[in-house]
Structure formats: structure tokens, C-alpha cells
Amino acid sequence: DGSRTENTRGSYPTWHIPNHEPTGKAGHAKNVIFLACDAFGVLPPVSKLTTKQSLYHLVSGYTAKVAGTEQGVTEPMATF
């Protein structure tokens, strides 16, 4: 069934997190870590990004399909 995207995000209720903030309010994040499967060097392994750069990479949702993690993929393929 190809009706749903393969590049998905997941979530769960905050009560699963023992030390969550029940008001849902907090200060601005000081550090953001992007987890991406980057087979093409778009995202450096470690980098310090500006706010605009961080927002760009978050919104674009870049990743790569790689052999062994995607059915039928034998060569890396960029995907968004």
C-alpha cells in the first residue's frame, strides 16, 4: 500500500516521559541535533548551524534511502 509516505515522523503522549513539563512551556532550545541518513554529504557529520540553516534543514526533511534499510534499494537515493 503506497498511500502513506515512507519518510514519516512519530510521536507519543508526554506522560510517557517521566520528567516532562506538564505546562508544555519551556525556554528556547540551546542545542538541536538532526538525525539524518545522509549518503551524499548534504549535512556535515557535525556542524554548527545558524537559526535559518537549522530551520531550512528541519523543514526540508532531507534524508537518504540506503541499501539494507529500504526494500528494493541497491544504491543510495536522496529523498525529502
Protein backbone atom coordinates (compact mmCIF):
# COMPACT_ATOMS: atom_id res chain seq x y z
CA ASP A 1 0.00 0.00 0.00
CA GLY A 2 1.74 3.19 -1.17
CA SER A 3 -0.90 5.55 0.24
CA ARG A 4 1.34 6.65 3.12
CA THR A 5 4.77 8.20 2.93
CA GLU A 6 7.82 6.12 3.81
CA ASN A 7 9.53 9.17 5.35
CA THR A 8 7.43 9.58 8.50
CA ARG A 9 7.65 11.11 11.94
CA GLY A 10 6.39 9.57 15.15
CA SER A 11 5.07 10.93 18.41
CA TYR A 12 3.80 9.70 21.75
CA PRO A 13 1.97 11.20 24.75
CA THR A 14 4.08 13.29 27.11
CA TRP A 15 3.03 11.17 30.08
CA HIS A 16 5.47 8.56 28.68
CA ILE A 17 8.31 10.93 29.67
CA PRO A 18 8.90 10.84 33.44
CA ASN A 19 10.33 14.38 33.75
CA HIS A 20 8.18 16.20 31.16
CA GLU A 21 6.98 19.77 31.75
CA PRO A 22 3.18 19.46 32.14
CA THR A 23 2.55 23.07 31.04
CA GLY A 24 4.27 22.38 27.73
CA LYS A 25 6.22 25.64 28.12
CA ALA A 26 9.98 25.92 28.18
CA GLY A 27 12.73 28.26 27.10
CA HIS A 28 14.30 28.26 23.66
CA ALA A 29 16.45 25.26 22.80
CA LYS A 30 20.17 25.87 23.07
CA ASN A 31 21.18 22.82 21.04
CA VAL A 32 19.38 20.94 18.27
CA ILE A 33 20.52 17.59 16.93
CA PHE A 34 19.38 16.44 13.48
CA LEU A 35 19.32 12.72 12.82
CA ALA A 36 19.52 12.04 9.10
CA CYS A 37 20.78 9.27 6.90
CA ASP A 38 22.99 11.39 4.65
CA ALA A 39 24.64 9.39 1.88
CA PHE A 40 25.59 12.46 -0.18
CA GLY A 41 27.27 14.92 2.20
CA VAL A 42 24.40 17.43 2.28
CA LEU A 43 24.60 17.65 6.07
CA PRO A 44 28.10 17.61 7.56
CA PRO A 45 28.52 14.94 10.27
CA VAL A 46 29.00 17.69 12.87
CA SER A 47 28.19 21.32 12.23
CA LYS A 48 27.15 24.49 13.99
CA LEU A 49 24.19 25.95 12.12
CA THR A 50 22.55 29.36 12.26
CA THR A 51 18.87 29.56 13.13
CA LYS A 52 17.98 29.98 9.42
CA GLN A 53 20.11 27.00 8.42
CA SER A 54 18.53 24.85 11.14
CA LEU A 55 15.01 25.79 10.06
CA TYR A 56 15.83 25.04 6.42
CA HIS A 57 17.08 21.53 7.19
CA LEU A 58 14.17 20.84 9.56
CA VAL A 59 11.52 21.93 7.06
CA SER A 60 13.12 20.22 4.04
CA GLY A 61 13.15 16.85 5.85
CA TYR A 62 16.20 15.61 3.91
CA THR A 63 17.31 12.01 4.27
CA ALA A 64 18.54 9.23 2.00
CA LYS A 65 17.28 5.76 1.24
CA VAL A 66 20.17 3.34 1.57
CA ALA A 67 20.64 -0.33 0.80
CA GLY A 68 19.76 -2.54 3.73
CA THR A 69 17.23 -0.14 5.23
CA GLU A 70 14.78 0.20 2.31
CA GLN A 71 13.25 -2.67 0.37
CA GLY A 72 14.49 -2.81 -3.24
CA VAL A 73 17.14 -0.08 -2.81
CA THR A 74 20.61 -1.08 -4.00
CA GLU A 75 22.18 2.40 -4.34
CA PRO A 76 21.71 5.47 -2.08
CA MET A 77 18.84 7.74 -3.17
CA ALA A 78 18.18 11.25 -1.81
CA THR A 79 14.63 11.82 -0.61
CA PHE A 80 12.64 14.52 1.15
